[in-house]
Amino acid sequence: DRLAGTSSNQALDASHCRIGVGNGSTAAADTDTDLSASAGSSNRQFKLVDSAPTVGSGASSGVLTFVATFSTSVANFAWAEWGIDGGTGDGTTVTSEGNTTPGLVNRKVSSLGTKTSAQSWVFTVTITLT
């Protein structure tokens, strides 16, 4: 429902989709509803995607791509996890699940490096549906 945007649920689109990163390292589970990082901007950050997620075609059919840019002023910590939610603006808290607000769609634990205030990072997430 969240990917397709059925009539009763908000789809992940340009104004309802964020990529979140955090420094938590608790193993991911299919029941996750939030990042595992502690509260606060020194541990986690959600950024609205740069544009609507794209859907591949042809040989790339079933591939969704999400992109968000984390500027020099945010997310300056070790990136150890990430996820996608249906938030409508930048912030440090996950969006709660509801018919009009998609909650956390996925969460992955992966050491991605340490971002500093001297860097702007562009984060790309690709999800393949088979």
Protein backbone atom coordinates (compact mmCIF):
# COMPACT_ATOMS: atom_id res chain seq x y z
CA ASP A 1 0.00 0.00 0.00
CA ARG A 2 2.75 2.47 0.87
CA LEU A 3 4.62 2.00 -2.37
CA ALA A 4 1.54 1.99 -4.58
CA GLY A 5 -0.51 4.68 -2.83
CA THR A 6 -3.86 2.92 -2.62
CA SER A 7 -6.90 5.12 -2.10
CA SER A 8 -6.78 4.81 1.69
CA ASN A 9 -3.03 5.12 2.17
CA GLN A 10 -0.48 7.85 1.43
CA ALA A 11 2.23 6.74 -1.01
CA LEU A 12 5.90 7.54 -0.59
CA ASP A 13 6.24 10.56 -2.88
CA ALA A 14 8.29 13.76 -3.13
CA SER A 15 6.55 15.34 -0.13
CA HIS A 16 5.93 12.18 1.95
CA CYS A 17 9.26 10.36 1.94
CA ARG A 18 12.46 10.73 3.92
CA ILE A 19 15.70 8.84 4.30
CA GLY A 20 16.86 8.57 7.88
CA VAL A 21 20.36 7.78 9.12
CA GLY A 22 21.58 7.03 12.60
CA ASN A 23 24.49 5.77 14.63
CA GLY A 24 22.61 2.83 16.17
CA SER A 25 23.79 -0.69 15.47
CA THR A 26 21.05 -2.93 16.87
CA ALA A 27 20.32 -5.71 14.38
CA ALA A 28 17.48 -4.93 11.96
CA ALA A 29 14.20 -6.83 12.30
CA ASP A 30 11.05 -6.89 10.20
CA THR A 31 9.18 -5.46 13.20
CA ASP A 32 11.29 -2.28 13.39
CA THR A 33 9.29 0.94 13.63
CA ASP A 34 12.22 3.32 14.18
CA LEU A 35 15.98 3.63 13.91
CA SER A 36 17.84 2.25 16.92
CA ALA A 37 19.94 5.40 17.44
CA SER A 38 19.29 7.45 20.56
CA ALA A 39 17.18 10.59 20.30
CA GLY A 40 18.69 13.85 19.15
CA SER A 41 20.47 15.37 16.18
CA SER A 42 23.88 14.10 17.29
CA ASN A 43 22.62 10.52 16.77
CA ARG A 44 20.01 10.57 14.00
CA GLN A 45 18.60 12.65 11.13
CA PHE A 46 15.75 12.28 8.63
CA LYS A 47 15.95 14.24 5.36
CA LEU A 48 13.12 14.74 2.87
CA VAL A 49 14.00 13.13 -0.47
CA ASP A 50 15.33 15.43 -3.18
CA SER A 51 12.50 14.48 -5.57
CA ALA A 52 9.86 11.81 -6.06
CA PRO A 53 11.22 8.26 -5.86
CA THR A 54 11.80 6.88 -9.34
CA VAL A 55 10.51 3.56 -10.63
CA GLY A 56 12.63 1.68 -13.14
CA SER A 57 11.35 0.30 -16.42
CA GLY A 58 12.42 -2.39 -18.85
CA ALA A 59 15.31 -4.42 -17.41
CA SER A 60 15.12 -2.25 -14.26
CA SER A 61 11.40 -2.85 -13.76
CA GLY A 62 10.61 -3.22 -10.06
CA VAL A 63 13.53 -1.02 -8.95
CA LEU A 64 12.69 1.99 -6.77
CA THR A 65 15.31 4.68 -6.19
CA PHE A 66 15.23 7.26 -3.39
CA VAL A 67 17.78 10.11 -3.01
CA ALA A 68 18.31 12.60 -0.17
CA THR A 69 21.07 15.17 0.34
CA PHE A 70 22.50 15.66 3.83
CA SER A 71 24.13 19.11 3.94
CA THR A 72 27.19 20.11 5.97
CA SER A 73 25.07 21.17 8.96
CA VAL A 74 23.29 17.84 9.65
CA ALA A 75 23.98 14.17 10.39
CA ASN A 76 27.59 14.69 11.45
CA PHE A 77 28.19 11.35 13.16
CA ALA A 78 29.08 7.76 12.27
CA TRP A 79 26.37 6.41 9.96
CA ALA A 80 25.61 2.84 11.05
CA GLU A 81 21.95 2.42 10.03
CA TRP A 82 19.39 3.85 7.66
CA GLY A 83 15.70 3.63 6.87
CA ILE A 84 12.89 5.19 4.85
CA ASP A 85 9.74 6.70 6.34
CA GLY A 86 6.81 8.80 5.18
CA GLY A 87 7.68 12.06 6.92
CA THR A 88 6.97 15.42 5.33
CA GLY A 89 9.98 17.42 6.53
CA ASP A 90 13.47 17.15 7.94
CA GLY A 91 13.74 16.07 11.57
CA THR A 92 15.13 13.66 14.10
CA THR A 93 12.05 11.58 14.93
CA VAL A 94 10.44 8.85 12.86
CA THR A 95 6.94 9.37 11.47
CA SER A 96 4.28 7.27 13.20
CA GLU A 97 2.33 4.81 11.08
CA GLY A 98 -1.20 5.83 10.05
CA ASN A 99 -3.44 5.94 6.98
CA THR A 100 -2.16 9.38 6.04
CA THR A 101 1.40 8.98 7.31
CA PRO A 102 3.52 6.00 6.29
CA GLY A 103 5.78 4.96 9.14
CA LEU A 104 9.16 3.28 8.79
CA VAL A 105 9.13 1.23 5.59
CA ASN A 106 12.48 -0.46 6.07
CA ARG A 107 15.64 -0.35 8.17
CA LYS A 108 19.13 -1.57 7.35
CA VAL A 109 22.22 -1.76 9.55
CA SER A 110 25.42 -0.99 7.65
CA SER A 111 28.56 0.96 8.54
CA LEU A 112 28.68 3.78 5.98
CA GLY A 113 31.43 5.97 7.43
CA THR A 114 31.56 9.14 9.50
CA LYS A 115 30.16 12.35 8.04
CA THR A 116 31.65 15.65 9.22
CA SER A 117 30.56 19.28 8.91
CA ALA A 118 33.09 19.69 6.08
CA GLN A 119 31.03 17.31 3.91
CA SER A 120 27.69 17.14 2.17
CA TRP A 121 26.58 13.57 1.44
CA VAL A 122 24.05 12.39 -1.13
CA PHE A 123 22.43 9.15 0.00
CA THR A 124 20.83 6.88 -2.60
CA VAL A 125 18.63 3.93 -1.66
CA THR A 126 17.64 1.34 -4.24
CA ILE A 127 14.92 -1.20 -3.47
CA THR A 128 14.33 -4.08 -5.87
CA LEU A 129 10.95 -5.78 -5.83
CA THR A 130 10.90 -9.29 -7.24
